[in-house]
């Protein structure tokens, strides 16, 4: 179902660097901040420290003297009988009770938090609902804020004025877009609220310009982040902050010794034939000037593109080589190759080499609108050709990625402009989609129970979503449901080339 609605333009945005320019370390003295990274993709082995929250933790600690700490709930995979019974060969997530005990022990060691900041993609809605409730029960006076992809994609709008607050009423605030600058204001507001109380802080005007409205007789804040004007002025993430948790578990050691790519346990769509661990990863640029329909740019600068200099990156790489003995460095940028000159400078500044090789890794997506069995076979034939071509150069077949993502609509992506995408979302999950601009194909979902259920189903990018009420699968291709599921099963069971033997059934 799709209806039309005119949505008014939002209020004028103020770059957060202007808001925080007069805040200094003495203003944040005595503040305790706890960042919590949510669990995700239970079947995959965690392979990277959560750079986003570590960047903010590091900045608060180094430049403002704040007692800021991080908890990475995604770092844990528990091997026990429960994991075996659920066929989780890499282990299970912490249970809700285990998560609560972990947070309690962390705060007993590091101090009661004045600010608790939750972070995670839209796929973590379920976990954020649970953790927010725990935090408010343990620390009712703490300022509780959600940031990252979930908060950015579900920020309040005129069409959905409650936004994420409607799904997680425990939240005091959300922070959308990039948080490097605005986290300073959030921390400052948390201290003022601790000292004066919420209502007095609001009445004093200190919470401007981020006071949004009262929801459920409680003042709510919406912090508008933005791209830092100079990424080089911020310290890189201090990954040593995750070296060991409060229970003595050596988290960092496990993360850097699990390859981000090329390791089947990480359940990603990449392959390689050379050692990829120990390693670290860092985002070297943010945003992308292009506009792929399946990609959401809201949390990383949209179509703006900003970079860290080669010199800044080289210093970080050298530190990681010296401290952690890394043999591989990954840059999981939205689009690493926007500017060739920067890549050349990075090679000279980081590798110090005369000879270097480049391994080409291709990733694949199945289930796009207009895709038929015959079109999917073209993708599979390309994979087969790549294996044959690599073989001519002595590169093993294991260096060719044979996994595929399932095309999934994530809120905020331009896929929604495609009629079939809207139709399938409405048919399978009952989403109500509203046209928000009379002259352009722009749509927004109504944040109701059906949309919440859809967000809760979002998980692994290879997963096929099913309506939990009917079991109906969601895909946007021209294949029948049976055809699509058969092809997906071949990919998931490492039998991708059996797709070449399939015959259309429609």
Protein backbone atom coordinates (compact mmCIF):
# COMPACT_ATOMS: atom_id res chain seq x y z
CA UNK A 1 0.00 0.00 0.00
CA UNK A 2 1.37 3.42 -0.95
CA UNK A 3 -0.15 6.82 -0.27
CA UNK A 4 1.09 10.34 -0.89
CA UNK A 5 1.91 13.04 1.64
CA UNK A 6 3.68 16.37 1.53
CA UNK A 7 6.39 16.53 4.20
CA UNK A 8 7.70 19.92 5.31
CA UNK A 9 11.42 20.67 5.22
CA UNK A 10 13.27 20.07 8.53
CA UNK A 11 14.66 22.94 10.58
CA UNK A 12 18.03 24.42 9.60
CA UNK A 13 20.91 22.16 10.57
CA UNK A 14 23.83 23.54 12.59
CA UNK A 15 27.17 21.83 12.13
CA UNK A 16 28.04 20.34 15.55
CA UNK A 17 31.60 21.70 15.43
CA UNK A 18 30.04 25.16 15.88
CA UNK A 19 28.08 23.96 18.88
CA UNK A 20 31.03 22.31 20.68
CA UNK A 21 33.83 24.76 19.85
CA UNK A 22 33.76 26.35 23.31
CA UNK A 23 33.54 23.09 25.29
CA UNK A 24 36.86 22.12 26.85
CA UNK A 25 38.18 19.43 29.19
CA UNK A 26 37.29 21.28 32.45
CA UNK A 27 33.65 21.37 31.30
CA UNK A 28 33.55 17.58 31.21
CA UNK A 29 35.59 16.91 34.35
CA UNK A 30 34.39 13.96 36.42
CA UNK A 31 32.14 12.55 33.69
CA UNK A 32 31.70 8.79 33.23
CA UNK A 33 30.66 7.57 29.76
CA UNK A 34 29.99 3.98 28.69
CA UNK A 35 29.62 3.01 25.01
CA UNK A 36 27.93 -0.30 24.23
CA UNK A 37 28.28 -2.02 20.85
CA UNK A 38 25.40 -4.38 20.06
CA UNK A 39 25.66 -8.06 19.05
CA UNK A 40 24.98 -8.89 15.41
CA UNK A 41 25.27 -11.78 12.92
CA UNK A 42 25.40 -14.58 15.48
CA UNK A 43 26.64 -17.17 12.99
CA UNK A 44 29.69 -15.10 12.07
CA UNK A 45 32.88 -14.93 14.10
CA UNK A 46 33.54 -11.31 15.15
CA UNK A 47 36.67 -10.06 13.42
CA UNK A 48 37.02 -6.31 14.01
CA UNK A 49 36.88 -3.95 16.98
CA UNK A 50 33.91 -1.54 16.75
CA UNK A 51 35.77 1.43 15.29
CA UNK A 52 32.92 3.92 15.56
CA UNK A 53 32.51 3.79 19.33
CA UNK A 54 36.27 3.48 19.84
CA UNK A 55 36.87 6.69 17.86
CA UNK A 56 34.51 8.55 20.18
CA UNK A 57 35.84 6.84 23.31
CA UNK A 58 39.42 7.71 22.32
CA UNK A 59 38.59 11.34 21.55
CA UNK A 60 36.78 11.83 24.86
CA UNK A 61 39.64 10.26 26.79
CA UNK A 62 42.60 11.86 25.03
CA UNK A 63 41.29 15.34 24.31
CA UNK A 64 38.78 15.91 27.12
CA UNK A 65 39.98 13.72 30.01
CA UNK A 66 36.64 11.91 30.23
CA UNK A 67 36.46 8.48 31.87
CA UNK A 68 35.06 6.91 28.69
CA UNK A 69 34.99 3.12 28.22
CA UNK A 70 33.57 0.67 25.69
CA UNK A 71 31.78 -2.67 25.88
CA UNK A 72 31.74 -4.78 22.71
CA UNK A 73 28.86 -7.20 23.17
CA UNK A 74 29.47 -8.56 19.67
CA UNK A 75 32.92 -9.85 20.63
CA UNK A 76 31.54 -12.89 22.47
CA UNK A 77 30.69 -16.30 21.02
CA UNK A 78 29.95 -18.87 23.71
CA UNK A 79 30.68 -22.53 22.99
CA UNK A 80 28.31 -24.70 25.05
CA UNK A 81 25.49 -27.22 24.75
CA UNK A 82 23.00 -24.50 23.86
CA UNK A 83 25.17 -23.41 20.93
CA UNK A 84 25.47 -27.03 19.79
CA UNK A 85 21.72 -27.60 19.99
CA UNK A 86 21.13 -24.52 17.81
CA UNK A 87 23.88 -25.65 15.38
CA UNK A 88 25.93 -22.52 16.01
CA UNK A 89 29.35 -23.95 15.25
CA UNK A 90 31.09 -20.66 16.01
CA UNK A 91 29.25 -20.22 19.31
CA UNK A 92 26.27 -18.22 20.49
CA UNK A 93 25.74 -14.64 21.57
CA UNK A 94 25.63 -13.79 25.23
CA UNK A 95 22.17 -14.36 26.69
CA UNK A 96 20.16 -11.40 27.97
CA UNK A 97 21.08 -12.32 31.55
CA UNK A 98 24.76 -12.59 30.60
CA UNK A 99 24.63 -9.20 28.86
CA UNK A 100 23.12 -7.58 31.93
CA UNK A 101 25.76 -9.09 34.22
CA UNK A 102 28.51 -7.98 31.82
CA UNK A 103 27.27 -4.38 31.86
CA UNK A 104 26.83 -4.43 35.65
CA UNK A 105 30.38 -5.72 36.26
CA UNK A 106 31.83 -3.26 33.74
CA UNK A 107 30.23 -0.33 35.54
CA UNK A 108 31.24 -1.64 38.97
CA UNK A 109 34.85 -1.50 37.78
CA UNK A 110 34.74 1.71 35.71
CA UNK A 111 32.13 3.67 37.61
CA UNK A 112 28.43 4.43 37.36
CA UNK A 113 27.84 6.02 33.95
CA UNK A 114 26.39 9.48 33.51
CA UNK A 115 25.96 8.72 29.81
CA UNK A 116 25.30 5.36 28.17
CA UNK A 117 25.58 5.38 24.38
CA UNK A 118 24.24 2.42 22.39
CA UNK A 119 25.57 1.80 18.91
CA UNK A 120 24.64 -0.49 16.08
CA UNK A 121 23.16 -0.90 12.63
CA UNK A 122 19.43 -1.13 11.97
CA UNK A 123 19.79 -4.91 12.31
CA UNK A 124 20.34 -4.41 16.06
CA UNK A 125 16.88 -3.03 16.86
CA UNK A 126 15.96 -6.13 18.88
CA UNK A 127 19.09 -5.98 20.99
CA UNK A 128 18.85 -2.24 21.54
CA UNK A 129 15.31 -2.65 22.85
CA UNK A 130 16.57 -5.21 25.38
CA UNK A 131 19.73 -3.36 26.42
CA UNK A 132 17.95 0.00 26.75
CA UNK A 133 15.49 -1.54 29.20
CA UNK A 134 18.35 -3.08 31.21
CA UNK A 135 20.28 0.19 31.35
CA UNK A 136 17.30 2.22 32.51
CA UNK A 137 16.58 -0.31 35.26
CA UNK A 138 20.22 -0.27 36.42
CA UNK A 139 20.97 3.45 35.91
CA UNK A 140 17.68 5.36 35.71
CA UNK A 141 19.37 8.77 36.04
CA UNK A 142 21.91 8.19 33.25
CA UNK A 143 21.37 9.88 29.89
CA UNK A 144 20.62 7.05 27.46
CA UNK A 145 21.29 7.73 23.78
CA UNK A 146 21.26 5.57 20.65
CA UNK A 147 23.51 6.39 17.71
CA UNK A 148 24.84 4.82 14.54
CA UNK A 149 22.90 3.27 11.69
CA UNK A 150 19.73 2.39 13.61
CA UNK A 151 19.28 5.86 15.06
CA UNK A 152 20.11 7.49 11.74
CA UNK A 153 17.67 5.44 9.70
CA UNK A 154 14.86 5.70 12.26
CA UNK A 155 15.29 9.36 13.21
CA UNK A 156 12.03 11.27 13.81
CA UNK A 157 10.34 12.85 10.79
CA UNK A 158 7.08 14.69 10.26
CA UNK A 159 5.56 11.45 8.99
CA UNK A 160 6.98 9.45 11.92
CA UNK A 161 7.36 12.05 14.69
CA UNK A 162 8.35 9.57 17.39
CA UNK A 163 10.93 7.83 15.24
CA UNK A 164 13.05 5.37 17.23
CA UNK A 165 11.56 6.69 20.49
CA UNK A 166 8.35 4.91 19.51
CA UNK A 167 10.10 1.55 19.52
CA UNK A 168 12.50 2.20 22.41
CA UNK A 169 10.69 4.50 24.87
CA UNK A 170 13.56 4.19 27.38
CA UNK A 171 15.79 6.37 25.18
CA UNK A 172 16.41 9.95 26.27
CA UNK A 173 18.08 10.87 22.99
CA UNK A 174 19.15 9.71 19.59
CA UNK A 175 22.17 10.90 17.59
CA UNK A 176 22.05 10.56 13.82
CA UNK A 177 24.78 10.73 11.21
CA UNK A 178 28.47 11.01 12.19
CA UNK A 179 29.16 11.42 15.89
CA UNK A 180 32.77 12.66 16.16
CA UNK A 181 31.85 16.28 16.98
CA UNK A 182 28.38 15.94 18.43
CA UNK A 183 29.43 13.36 21.06
CA UNK A 184 31.15 16.25 22.87
CA UNK A 185 27.83 18.08 23.18
CA UNK A 186 26.07 14.88 24.25
CA UNK A 187 28.66 14.37 26.98
CA UNK A 188 28.33 18.01 28.07
CA UNK A 189 24.54 17.73 28.26
CA UNK A 190 24.85 14.51 30.27
CA UNK A 191 26.94 16.35 32.87
CA UNK A 192 24.54 19.29 33.04
CA UNK A 193 21.59 16.91 33.43
CA UNK A 194 23.43 15.05 36.20
CA UNK A 195 24.04 18.30 38.07
CA UNK A 196 20.74 20.14 37.46
CA UNK A 197 18.19 17.52 36.50
CA UNK A 198 16.45 17.21 33.14
CA UNK A 199 13.79 19.86 33.58
CA UNK A 200 16.15 22.48 35.00
CA UNK A 201 18.70 21.77 32.27
CA UNK A 202 15.97 22.20 29.66
CA UNK A 203 14.65 25.40 31.23
CA UNK A 204 18.13 26.91 31.32
CA UNK A 205 18.46 26.60 27.54
CA UNK A 206 21.63 24.53 27.80
CA UNK A 207 20.13 21.67 25.80
CA UNK A 208 19.69 23.84 22.69
CA UNK A 209 19.71 23.26 19.76
CA UNK A 210 18.99 19.56 20.29
CA UNK A 211 15.85 19.52 22.44
CA UNK A 212 13.23 17.87 20.23
CA UNK A 213 9.96 17.59 22.16
CA UNK A 214 8.37 15.83 25.10
CA UNK A 215 7.24 12.29 24.38
CA UNK A 216 5.45 10.44 27.16
CA UNK A 217 5.95 13.43 29.50
CA UNK A 218 9.70 13.11 29.08
CA UNK A 219 11.97 15.58 27.24
CA UNK A 220 13.69 13.98 24.24
CA UNK A 221 16.80 15.12 22.44
CA UNK A 222 17.74 14.59 18.79
CA UNK A 223 21.41 15.27 18.08
CA UNK A 224 22.29 16.03 14.48
CA UNK A 225 25.79 14.82 13.69
CA UNK A 226 27.78 15.70 10.61
CA UNK A 227 31.05 15.07 8.78
CA UNK A 228 34.00 16.51 10.73
CA UNK A 229 35.55 19.32 8.75
CA UNK A 230 39.00 17.78 9.19
CA UNK A 231 39.22 14.05 9.96
CA UNK A 232 42.96 14.32 10.66
CA UNK A 233 42.48 16.36 13.82
CA UNK A 234 40.89 13.38 15.56
CA UNK A 235 42.98 10.57 17.05
CA UNK A 236 42.57 7.16 15.46
CA UNK A 237 40.73 4.54 17.48
CA UNK A 238 42.73 3.20 20.42
CA UNK A 239 41.96 -0.50 20.03
CA UNK A 240 43.94 -1.31 23.19
CA UNK A 241 40.86 -0.15 25.12
CA UNK A 242 39.39 -3.57 24.26
CA UNK A 243 42.49 -5.52 25.17
CA UNK A 244 40.81 -7.22 28.12
CA UNK A 245 37.29 -7.02 29.53
CA UNK A 246 36.32 -6.87 33.20
CA UNK A 247 36.25 -10.67 33.38
CA UNK A 248 39.79 -11.05 32.06
CA UNK A 249 38.72 -12.16 28.58
CA UNK A 250 41.31 -11.02 26.02
CA UNK A 251 38.92 -9.62 23.42
CA UNK A 252 41.38 -7.73 21.22
CA UNK A 253 43.64 -10.74 20.71
CA UNK A 254 40.71 -12.76 19.36
CA UNK A 255 39.53 -9.98 17.08
CA UNK A 256 42.86 -9.16 15.41
CA UNK A 257 43.68 -12.84 14.90
CA UNK A 258 40.45 -13.51 12.99
CA UNK A 259 40.68 -12.42 9.35
CA UNK A 260 38.05 -9.88 8.34
CA UNK A 261 38.00 -11.37 4.86
CA UNK A 262 38.92 -14.73 3.43
CA UNK A 263 37.94 -16.68 6.56
CA UNK A 264 34.77 -18.78 6.08
CA UNK A 265 33.96 -18.46 9.78
CA UNK A 266 33.28 -14.74 9.37
CA UNK A 267 30.42 -15.57 6.98
CA UNK A 268 31.22 -12.75 4.60
CA UNK A 269 31.46 -12.58 0.84
CA UNK A 270 35.21 -12.34 0.36
CA UNK A 271 38.04 -14.75 -0.43
CA UNK A 272 41.83 -14.62 -0.53
CA UNK A 273 44.81 -16.97 -0.82
CA UNK A 274 47.31 -15.20 1.45
CA UNK A 275 47.52 -14.62 5.24
CA UNK A 276 45.03 -12.01 6.45
CA UNK A 277 45.70 -12.13 10.19
CA UNK A 278 46.82 -10.77 12.53
CA UNK A 279 45.20 -7.67 11.11
CA UNK A 280 43.42 -4.47 11.98
CA UNK A 281 40.91 -2.42 10.02
CA UNK A 282 40.20 1.29 9.75
CA UNK A 283 37.85 3.42 7.71
CA UNK A 284 40.11 5.66 5.63
CA UNK A 285 37.36 7.71 4.00
CA UNK A 286 33.72 8.40 4.63
CA UNK A 287 30.82 8.79 2.30
CA UNK A 288 30.64 8.11 -1.41
CA UNK A 289 29.80 10.44 -4.34
CA UNK A 290 27.75 7.72 -6.01
CA UNK A 291 24.20 6.64 -5.30
CA UNK A 292 23.72 2.87 -5.55
CA UNK A 293 20.11 1.95 -4.95
CA UNK A 294 20.83 -0.77 -2.36
CA UNK A 295 23.24 1.31 -0.26
CA UNK A 296 22.36 3.63 2.64
CA UNK A 297 24.68 6.58 3.05
CA UNK A 298 22.96 8.37 5.93
CA UNK A 299 25.30 7.20 8.71
CA UNK A 300 28.51 7.82 6.78
CA UNK A 301 28.04 11.19 5.14
CA UNK A 302 25.69 10.30 2.30
CA UNK A 303 27.12 11.51 -1.01
CA UNK A 304 29.70 13.74 0.62
CA UNK A 305 33.17 12.25 0.55
CA UNK A 306 35.78 12.99 3.19
CA UNK A 307 39.22 11.48 3.73
CA UNK A 308 41.93 10.87 6.25
CA UNK A 309 45.29 11.81 4.78
CA UNK A 310 47.85 9.21 3.76
CA UNK A 311 50.16 10.57 6.47
CA UNK A 312 47.50 10.11 9.18
CA UNK A 313 46.80 6.55 8.03
CA UNK A 314 50.49 5.66 7.72
CA UNK A 315 51.12 6.65 11.34
CA UNK A 316 48.29 4.39 12.49
CA UNK A 317 49.49 1.46 10.38
CA UNK A 318 53.04 1.78 11.69
CA UNK A 319 51.74 1.80 15.26
CA UNK A 320 49.72 -1.36 14.64
CA UNK A 321 52.67 -3.13 13.05
CA UNK A 322 54.86 -2.28 16.03
CA UNK A 323 52.29 -2.99 18.77
CA UNK A 324 50.30 -5.88 17.31
CA UNK A 325 52.49 -7.39 14.59
CA UNK A 326 49.82 -7.08 11.92
CA UNK A 327 50.46 -8.54 8.46
CA UNK A 328 47.27 -7.21 6.85
CA UNK A 329 45.38 -3.94 7.00
CA UNK A 330 41.83 -3.62 5.73
CA UNK A 331 40.01 -0.42 4.77
CA UNK A 332 36.27 -1.20 4.73
CA UNK A 333 35.34 2.17 3.22
CA UNK A 334 32.08 2.80 1.45
CA UNK A 335 34.18 3.44 -1.65
CA UNK A 336 37.94 3.29 -1.19
CA UNK A 337 38.84 4.06 -4.80
CA UNK A 338 37.19 7.44 -5.35
CA UNK A 339 40.49 9.26 -5.92
CA UNK A 340 43.40 7.43 -7.55
CA UNK A 341 45.99 9.99 -6.40
CA UNK A 342 45.18 9.27 -2.75
CA UNK A 343 45.64 5.54 -3.28
CA UNK A 344 49.07 6.13 -4.81
CA UNK A 345 50.06 8.28 -1.84
CA UNK A 346 48.85 5.62 0.58
CA UNK A 347 50.87 2.90 -1.15
CA UNK A 348 54.04 5.00 -0.92
CA UNK A 349 53.35 6.16 2.62
CA UNK A 350 52.20 2.89 4.15
CA UNK A 351 53.84 -0.01 2.30
CA UNK A 352 57.34 1.39 1.57
CA UNK A 353 57.64 -1.08 -1.16
CA UNK A 354 58.89 -1.27 -4.70
CA UNK A 355 56.80 -4.23 -5.84
CA UNK A 356 53.22 -4.82 -4.73
CA UNK A 357 50.35 -6.96 -5.97
CA UNK A 358 46.61 -6.40 -5.93
CA UNK A 359 44.15 -9.22 -5.32
CA UNK A 360 40.77 -8.60 -6.94
CA UNK A 361 37.84 -9.85 -4.90
CA UNK A 362 34.34 -9.71 -6.35
CA UNK A 363 31.16 -9.73 -4.29
CA UNK A 364 27.76 -10.72 -5.61
CA UNK A 365 24.11 -9.92 -4.90
CA UNK A 366 21.19 -12.12 -5.93
CA UNK A 367 17.49 -11.34 -5.97
CA UNK A 368 17.32 -7.95 -7.67
CA UNK A 369 14.23 -6.83 -9.62
CA UNK A 370 14.14 -8.26 -13.18
CA UNK A 371 16.57 -11.06 -12.25
CA UNK A 372 15.62 -14.43 -13.74
CA UNK A 373 17.28 -17.83 -13.44
CA UNK A 374 19.07 -17.18 -16.74
CA UNK A 375 20.42 -13.84 -15.50
CA UNK A 376 21.59 -15.41 -12.25
CA UNK A 377 23.41 -18.05 -14.29
CA UNK A 378 25.45 -15.30 -15.96
CA UNK A 379 26.77 -14.34 -12.53
CA UNK A 380 27.64 -17.96 -11.77
CA UNK A 381 29.40 -18.36 -15.13
CA UNK A 382 31.50 -15.28 -14.34
CA UNK A 383 32.54 -16.88 -11.04
CA UNK A 384 33.50 -20.04 -12.94
CA UNK A 385 35.50 -18.02 -15.48
CA UNK A 386 37.31 -16.21 -12.65
CA UNK A 387 38.37 -19.54 -11.14
CA UNK A 388 39.68 -20.72 -14.52
CA UNK A 389 41.50 -17.42 -15.12
CA UNK A 390 43.12 -17.40 -11.69
CA UNK A 391 44.19 -20.99 -12.25
CA UNK A 392 46.26 -19.90 -15.24
CA UNK A 393 48.28 -17.74 -12.83
CA UNK A 394 48.68 -20.40 -10.16
CA UNK A 395 46.03 -18.93 -7.86
CA UNK A 396 43.83 -21.56 -6.15
CA UNK A 397 40.01 -21.65 -6.50
CA UNK A 398 39.70 -20.75 -2.82
CA UNK A 399 40.77 -17.22 -3.76
CA UNK A 400 37.52 -16.70 -5.69
CA UNK A 401 34.46 -15.70 -3.72
CA UNK A 402 31.48 -17.95 -4.44
CA UNK A 403 29.11 -16.59 -1.79
CA UNK A 404 26.31 -14.14 -2.55
CA UNK A 405 24.41 -11.52 -0.63
CA UNK A 406 20.62 -11.50 -0.80
CA UNK A 407 19.31 -8.15 -2.01
CA UNK A 408 17.50 -6.66 0.98
CA UNK A 409 15.73 -3.35 1.34
CA UNK A 410 17.22 -1.35 4.18
CA UNK A 411 15.27 1.74 5.24
CA UNK A 412 16.79 4.80 3.63
CA UNK A 413 17.98 3.06 0.46
CA UNK A 414 16.74 4.16 -2.94
CA UNK A 415 15.58 0.67 -3.83
CA UNK A 416 12.23 1.85 -2.53
CA UNK A 417 11.77 3.84 -5.74
CA UNK A 418 11.31 0.58 -7.67
CA UNK A 419 7.63 -0.33 -7.96
CA UNK A 420 8.21 -4.04 -7.50
CA UNK A 421 10.18 -3.46 -4.30
CA UNK A 422 7.29 -1.48 -2.85
CA UNK A 423 4.77 -4.08 -3.96
CA UNK A 424 6.69 -7.00 -2.42
CA UNK A 425 7.30 -5.17 0.85
CA UNK A 426 3.59 -4.48 1.06
CA UNK A 427 2.53 -8.01 0.06
CA UNK A 428 4.93 -9.96 2.29
CA UNK A 429 5.37 -7.73 5.36
CA UNK A 430 2.35 -5.44 5.06
CA UNK A 431 4.43 -2.24 5.02
CA UNK A 432 2.66 1.05 4.39
CA UNK A 433 4.81 3.27 2.18
CA UNK A 434 4.12 6.97 1.76
CA UNK A 435 5.28 9.15 -1.12
CA UNK A 436 6.96 12.09 0.58
CA UNK A 437 7.61 14.35 -2.42
CA UNK A 438 4.99 15.05 -5.09
CA UNK A 439 7.48 15.44 -7.95
CA UNK A 440 10.06 12.77 -7.06
CA UNK A 441 9.93 9.04 -6.41
CA UNK A 442 10.70 9.34 -2.70
CA UNK A 443 8.95 7.10 -0.19
CA UNK A 444 9.02 6.56 3.55
CA UNK A 445 7.51 3.74 5.61
CA UNK A 446 5.02 4.30 8.39
CA UNK A 447 6.69 3.25 11.67
CA UNK A 448 3.98 0.83 12.80
CA UNK A 449 4.06 -2.75 14.13
CA UNK A 450 4.59 -4.22 10.67
CA UNK A 451 7.62 -2.02 10.05
CA UNK A 452 9.02 -2.88 13.47
CA UNK A 453 8.64 -6.57 12.68
CA UNK A 454 10.44 -6.06 9.39
CA UNK A 455 13.36 -4.31 11.13
CA UNK A 456 13.55 -7.10 13.71
CA UNK A 457 13.88 -9.63 10.90
CA UNK A 458 16.85 -7.80 9.36
CA UNK A 459 20.06 -9.61 10.18
CA UNK A 460 22.75 -11.21 8.06
CA UNK A 461 23.10 -9.80 4.56
CA UNK A 462 23.00 -13.31 3.07
CA UNK A 463 19.76 -14.17 4.88
CA UNK A 464 16.40 -14.47 3.12
CA UNK A 465 13.76 -12.61 5.11
CA UNK A 466 10.51 -14.44 5.82
CA UNK A 467 7.29 -13.03 7.21
CA UNK A 468 7.21 -14.73 10.64
CA UNK A 469 3.44 -14.94 10.49
CA UNK A 470 3.09 -16.68 7.12
CA UNK A 471 6.59 -17.95 6.36
CA UNK A 472 6.48 -16.27 2.95
CA UNK A 473 9.99 -15.40 1.68
CA UNK A 474 10.86 -11.91 0.53
CA UNK A 475 12.78 -11.38 -2.70
CA UNK A 476 12.41 -8.97 -5.60
CA UNK A 477 13.45 -11.15 -8.52
CA UNK A 478 11.40 -12.58 -11.37
CA UNK A 479 12.02 -16.09 -10.05
CA UNK A 480 9.30 -18.02 -8.28
CA UNK A 481 9.70 -18.43 -4.53
CA UNK A 482 10.71 -22.07 -5.01
CA UNK A 483 13.28 -21.18 -7.66
CA UNK A 484 14.80 -18.44 -5.56
CA UNK A 485 15.00 -20.58 -2.42
CA UNK A 486 16.54 -23.48 -4.35
CA UNK A 487 19.23 -21.18 -5.78
CA UNK A 488 19.84 -19.61 -2.37
CA UNK A 489 20.23 -23.07 -0.83
CA UNK A 490 22.89 -24.00 -3.39
CA UNK A 491 24.87 -20.88 -2.50
CA UNK A 492 24.54 -21.46 1.24
CA UNK A 493 25.59 -25.11 0.97
CA UNK A 494 28.71 -24.32 -1.14
CA UNK A 495 27.12 -25.79 -4.28
CA UNK A 496 26.80 -22.55 -6.23
CA UNK A 497 27.54 -24.15 -9.60
CA UNK A 498 24.42 -26.35 -9.34
CA UNK A 499 22.50 -23.20 -10.25
CA UNK A 500 23.74 -23.78 -13.82
CA UNK A 501 21.62 -26.98 -13.95
CA UNK A 502 18.41 -25.26 -12.87
CA UNK A 503 15.52 -24.86 -15.32
CA UNK A 504 12.91 -22.07 -15.15
CA UNK A 505 9.66 -23.20 -13.53
CA UNK A 506 7.50 -20.16 -14.14
